[in-house]
Amino acid sequence: MTTDADSSAAFGQLTSKANEAQAHIKAAATTTRDKLQSQVEQAQAKAEQQAGEIKAKTAQTQTEAASDWQTMKDKWHSHVAELHQRADDKRAEHDAQRAEMKADAAEMYAADAIGFALSAMEEAEYAVLDAMLARSDAEALA
């Protein structure tokens, strides 16, 4: 991130470089061809060096941006996976609660059926004993 101080310093360098270039150009007007040729070569070398530095810095910035983008994508995918896992956990929890309720209902039904069967056994025993008593009474009267 560039601060106001950084921008001011960069602008100051720009002004200084422009003044320096202007002085070189003025001096070149009164110099020999060989000297001028040398200055052109030096200026070209500096320009190529500067272009290389800018290209390298741009590549670095692109690499960092790509890395930051990948990091952000990885975090997003992780976040989405976590949300899906939470949803799956909730579904499983809900399914477990539903299974628990079904088990409770089945156990209550089984307990009721056993109670009914016990009651029927008691009733059957009473019916058999009552029938035996009735037969005994009938035989005694006969």
C-alpha atoms as a PDB file:
ATOM      1  CA  MET A   1       0.000   0.000   0.000  1.00  0.00           C
ATOM      2  CA  THR A   2       1.387   3.397  -0.952  1.00  0.00           C
ATOM      3  CA  THR A   3       1.247   6.177   1.653  1.00  0.00           C
ATOM      4  CA  ASP A   4       1.083   9.900   1.029  1.00  0.00           C
ATOM      5  CA  ALA A   5       4.745  10.192   2.091  1.00  0.00           C
ATOM      6  CA  ASP A   6       5.720   7.480  -0.440  1.00  0.00           C
ATOM      7  CA  SER A   7       3.799   9.262  -3.188  1.00  0.00           C
ATOM      8  CA  SER A   8       5.393  12.584  -2.313  1.00  0.00           C
ATOM      9  CA  ALA A   9       8.885  11.048  -2.345  1.00  0.00           C
ATOM     10  CA  ALA A  10       8.229   9.320  -5.691  1.00  0.00           C
ATOM     11  CA  PHE A  11       6.956  12.567  -7.169  1.00  0.00           C
ATOM     12  CA  GLY A  12      10.061  14.335  -5.876  1.00  0.00           C
ATOM     13  CA  GLN A  13      12.232  11.734  -7.630  1.00  0.00           C
ATOM     14  CA  LEU A  14      10.224  12.262 -10.798  1.00  0.00           C
ATOM     15  CA  THR A  15      10.831  16.016 -10.632  1.00  0.00           C
ATOM     16  CA  SER A  16      14.535  15.512  -9.910  1.00  0.00           C
ATOM     17  CA  LYS A  17      14.877  13.033 -12.796  1.00  0.00           C
ATOM     18  CA  ALA A  18      13.072  15.415 -15.190  1.00  0.00           C
ATOM     19  CA  ASN A  19      15.413  18.278 -14.212  1.00  0.00           C
ATOM     20  CA  GLU A  20      18.463  16.017 -14.627  1.00  0.00           C
ATOM     21  CA  ALA A  21      17.262  14.860 -18.067  1.00  0.00           C
ATOM     22  CA  GLN A  22      16.625  18.455 -19.112  1.00  0.00           C
ATOM     23  CA  ALA A  23      20.155  19.451 -18.063  1.00  0.00           C
ATOM     24  CA  HIS A  24      21.639  16.527 -20.038  1.00  0.00           C
ATOM     25  CA  ILE A  25      19.636  17.480 -23.116  1.00  0.00           C
ATOM     26  CA  LYS A  26      20.758  21.134 -22.884  1.00  0.00           C
ATOM     27  CA  ALA A  27      24.387  20.056 -22.475  1.00  0.00           C
ATOM     28  CA  ALA A  28      24.081  17.645 -25.402  1.00  0.00           C
ATOM     29  CA  ALA A  29      23.254  20.529 -27.724  1.00  0.00           C
ATOM     30  CA  THR A  30      26.819  21.809 -27.436  1.00  0.00           C
ATOM     31  CA  THR A  31      28.709  18.482 -27.375  1.00  0.00           C
ATOM     32  CA  THR A  32      30.509  16.456 -30.015  1.00  0.00           C
ATOM     33  CA  ARG A  33      28.852  13.662 -31.979  1.00  0.00           C
ATOM     34  CA  ASP A  34      30.953  10.988 -30.272  1.00  0.00           C
ATOM     35  CA  LYS A  35      30.092  12.365 -26.840  1.00  0.00           C
ATOM     36  CA  LEU A  36      26.429  12.570 -27.894  1.00  0.00           C
ATOM     37  CA  GLN A  37      26.592   8.957 -29.166  1.00  0.00           C
ATOM     38  CA  SER A  38      27.979   7.889 -25.782  1.00  0.00           C
ATOM     39  CA  GLN A  39      25.210   9.762 -23.927  1.00  0.00           C
ATOM     40  CA  VAL A  40      22.568   8.123 -26.139  1.00  0.00           C
ATOM     41  CA  GLU A  41      23.983   4.675 -25.370  1.00  0.00           C
ATOM     42  CA  GLN A  42      24.101   5.456 -21.647  1.00  0.00           C
ATOM     43  CA  ALA A  43      20.530   6.762 -21.712  1.00  0.00           C
ATOM     44  CA  GLN A  44      19.404   3.687 -23.654  1.00  0.00           C
ATOM     45  CA  ALA A  45      21.138   1.383 -21.151  1.00  0.00           C
ATOM     46  CA  LYS A  46      19.501   3.217 -18.223  1.00  0.00           C
ATOM     47  CA  ALA A  47      16.087   3.070 -19.941  1.00  0.00           C
ATOM     48  CA  GLU A  48      16.472  -0.661 -20.622  1.00  0.00           C
ATOM     49  CA  GLN A  49      17.597  -1.251 -17.038  1.00  0.00           C
ATOM     50  CA  GLN A  50      14.612   0.727 -15.733  1.00  0.00           C
ATOM     51  CA  ALA A  51      12.258  -1.168 -18.071  1.00  0.00           C
ATOM     52  CA  GLY A  52      13.724  -4.458 -16.807  1.00  0.00           C
ATOM     53  CA  GLU A  53      13.223  -3.406 -13.197  1.00  0.00           C
ATOM     54  CA  ILE A  54       9.644  -2.372 -13.914  1.00  0.00           C
ATOM     55  CA  LYS A  55       9.025  -5.651 -15.751  1.00  0.00           C
ATOM     56  CA  ALA A  56      10.493  -7.624 -12.829  1.00  0.00           C
ATOM     57  CA  LYS A  57       8.455  -5.623 -10.321  1.00  0.00           C
ATOM     58  CA  THR A  58       5.304  -6.150 -12.405  1.00  0.00           C
ATOM     59  CA  ALA A  59       5.980  -9.887 -12.586  1.00  0.00           C
ATOM     60  CA  GLN A  60       6.529  -9.963  -8.818  1.00  0.00           C
ATOM     61  CA  THR A  61       3.306  -8.033  -8.250  1.00  0.00           C
ATOM     62  CA  GLN A  62       1.422 -10.416 -10.535  1.00  0.00           C
ATOM     63  CA  THR A  63       2.907 -13.400  -8.701  1.00  0.00           C
ATOM     64  CA  GLU A  64       1.917 -11.924  -5.344  1.00  0.00           C
ATOM     65  CA  ALA A  65      -1.572 -11.107  -6.644  1.00  0.00           C
ATOM     66  CA  ALA A  66      -1.952 -14.641  -7.994  1.00  0.00           C
ATOM     67  CA  SER A  67      -0.749 -16.029  -4.674  1.00  0.00           C
ATOM     68  CA  ASP A  68      -3.165 -13.783  -2.767  1.00  0.00           C
ATOM     69  CA  TRP A  69      -5.988 -14.829  -5.109  1.00  0.00           C
ATOM     70  CA  GLN A  70      -5.143 -18.507  -4.601  1.00  0.00           C
ATOM     71  CA  THR A  71      -5.043 -18.001  -0.833  1.00  0.00           C
ATOM     72  CA  MET A  72      -8.445 -16.309  -0.947  1.00  0.00           C
ATOM     73  CA  LYS A  73      -9.862 -19.122  -3.122  1.00  0.00           C
ATOM     74  CA  ASP A  74      -8.431 -21.742  -0.752  1.00  0.00           C
ATOM     75  CA  LYS A  75      -9.981 -19.965   2.244  1.00  0.00           C
ATOM     76  CA  TRP A  76     -13.337 -19.748   0.430  1.00  0.00           C
ATOM     77  CA  HIS A  77     -13.272 -23.446  -0.491  1.00  0.00           C
ATOM     78  CA  SER A  78     -12.398 -24.300   3.102  1.00  0.00           C
ATOM     79  CA  HIS A  79     -15.269 -22.115   4.342  1.00  0.00           C
ATOM     80  CA  VAL A  80     -17.742 -23.773   1.936  1.00  0.00           C
ATOM     81  CA  ALA A  81     -16.513 -27.247   2.920  1.00  0.00           C
ATOM     82  CA  GLU A  82     -16.988 -26.332   6.586  1.00  0.00           C
ATOM     83  CA  LEU A  83     -20.547 -25.138   5.886  1.00  0.00           C
ATOM     84  CA  HIS A  84     -21.307 -28.376   4.040  1.00  0.00           C
ATOM     85  CA  GLN A  85     -19.877 -30.393   6.926  1.00  0.00           C
ATOM     86  CA  ARG A  86     -22.028 -28.460   9.402  1.00  0.00           C
ATOM     87  CA  ALA A  87     -25.104 -29.112   7.246  1.00  0.00           C
ATOM     88  CA  ASP A  88     -24.206 -32.817   7.035  1.00  0.00           C
ATOM     89  CA  ASP A  89     -23.688 -32.904  10.808  1.00  0.00           C
ATOM     90  CA  LYS A  90     -27.074 -31.248  11.369  1.00  0.00           C
ATOM     91  CA  ARG A  91     -28.710 -33.726   8.977  1.00  0.00           C
ATOM     92  CA  ALA A  92     -27.022 -36.615  10.772  1.00  0.00           C
ATOM     93  CA  GLU A  93     -28.043 -35.173  14.132  1.00  0.00           C
ATOM     94  CA  HIS A  94     -31.613 -34.789  12.864  1.00  0.00           C
ATOM     95  CA  ASP A  95     -31.540 -38.341  11.473  1.00  0.00           C
ATOM     96  CA  ALA A  96     -30.171 -39.587  14.808  1.00  0.00           C
ATOM     97  CA  GLN A  97     -32.950 -37.766  16.672  1.00  0.00           C
ATOM     98  CA  ARG A  98     -35.532 -39.229  14.293  1.00  0.00           C
ATOM     99  CA  ALA A  99     -34.054 -42.723  14.766  1.00  0.00           C
ATOM    100  CA  GLU A 100     -34.096 -42.199  18.532  1.00  0.00           C
ATOM    101  CA  MET A 101     -37.778 -41.210  18.387  1.00  0.00           C
ATOM    102  CA  LYS A 102     -38.594 -44.262  16.244  1.00  0.00           C
ATOM    103  CA  ALA A 103     -36.750 -46.504  18.709  1.00  0.00           C
ATOM    104  CA  ASP A 104     -38.629 -44.935  21.642  1.00  0.00           C
ATOM    105  CA  ALA A 105     -41.966 -45.461  19.868  1.00  0.00           C
ATOM    106  CA  ALA A 106     -41.087 -49.072  19.007  1.00  0.00           C
ATOM    107  CA  GLU A 107     -40.060 -49.764  22.609  1.00  0.00           C
ATOM    108  CA  MET A 108     -43.316 -48.240  23.893  1.00  0.00           C
ATOM    109  CA  TYR A 109     -45.302 -50.347  21.419  1.00  0.00           C
ATOM    110  CA  ALA A 110     -43.404 -53.472  22.510  1.00  0.00           C
ATOM    111  CA  ALA A 111     -44.051 -52.635  26.174  1.00  0.00           C
ATOM    112  CA  ASP A 112     -47.761 -52.119  25.420  1.00  0.00           C
ATOM    113  CA  ALA A 113     -47.880 -55.400  23.475  1.00  0.00           C
ATOM    114  CA  ILE A 114     -46.199 -57.234  26.354  1.00  0.00           C
ATOM    115  CA  GLY A 115     -48.626 -55.616  28.793  1.00  0.00           C
ATOM    116  CA  PHE A 116     -51.512 -56.645  26.581  1.00  0.00           C
ATOM    117  CA  ALA A 117     -50.141 -60.194  26.330  1.00  0.00           C
ATOM    118  CA  LEU A 118     -49.703 -60.375  30.123  1.00  0.00           C
ATOM    119  CA  SER A 119     -53.220 -59.116  30.599  1.00  0.00           C
ATOM    120  CA  ALA A 120     -54.489 -61.665  28.065  1.00  0.00           C
ATOM    121  CA  MET A 121     -52.606 -64.444  29.918  1.00  0.00           C
ATOM    122  CA  GLU A 122     -54.206 -63.364  33.196  1.00  0.00           C
ATOM    123  CA  GLU A 123     -57.565 -63.281  31.460  1.00  0.00           C
ATOM    124  CA  ALA A 124     -56.921 -66.703  29.904  1.00  0.00           C
ATOM    125  CA  GLU A 125     -55.894 -68.159  33.256  1.00  0.00           C
ATOM    126  CA  TYR A 126     -59.044 -66.714  34.855  1.00  0.00           C
ATOM    127  CA  ALA A 127     -61.158 -68.072  31.989  1.00  0.00           C
ATOM    128  CA  VAL A 128     -59.625 -71.563  32.279  1.00  0.00           C
ATOM    129  CA  LEU A 129     -59.998 -71.628  36.075  1.00  0.00           C
ATOM    130  CA  ASP A 130     -63.566 -70.280  35.846  1.00  0.00           C
ATOM    131  CA  ALA A 131     -64.392 -72.935  33.240  1.00  0.00           C
ATOM    132  CA  MET A 132     -62.895 -75.635  35.490  1.00  0.00           C
ATOM    133  CA  LEU A 133     -64.988 -74.355  38.391  1.00  0.00           C
ATOM    134  CA  ALA A 134     -68.089 -74.312  36.264  1.00  0.00           C
ATOM    135  CA  ARG A 135     -67.394 -77.888  35.107  1.00  0.00           C
ATOM    136  CA  SER A 136     -66.837 -78.951  38.708  1.00  0.00           C
ATOM    137  CA  ASP A 137     -70.109 -77.344  39.772  1.00  0.00           C
ATOM    138  CA  ALA A 138     -71.929 -78.984  36.842  1.00  0.00           C
ATOM    139  CA  GLU A 139     -70.529 -82.399  37.713  1.00  0.00           C
ATOM    140  CA  ALA A 140     -71.405 -81.938  41.344  1.00  0.00           C
ATOM    141  CA  LEU A 141     -74.993 -81.113  40.473  1.00  0.00           C
ATOM    142  CA  ALA A 142     -75.298 -83.945  38.017  1.00  0.00           C
END
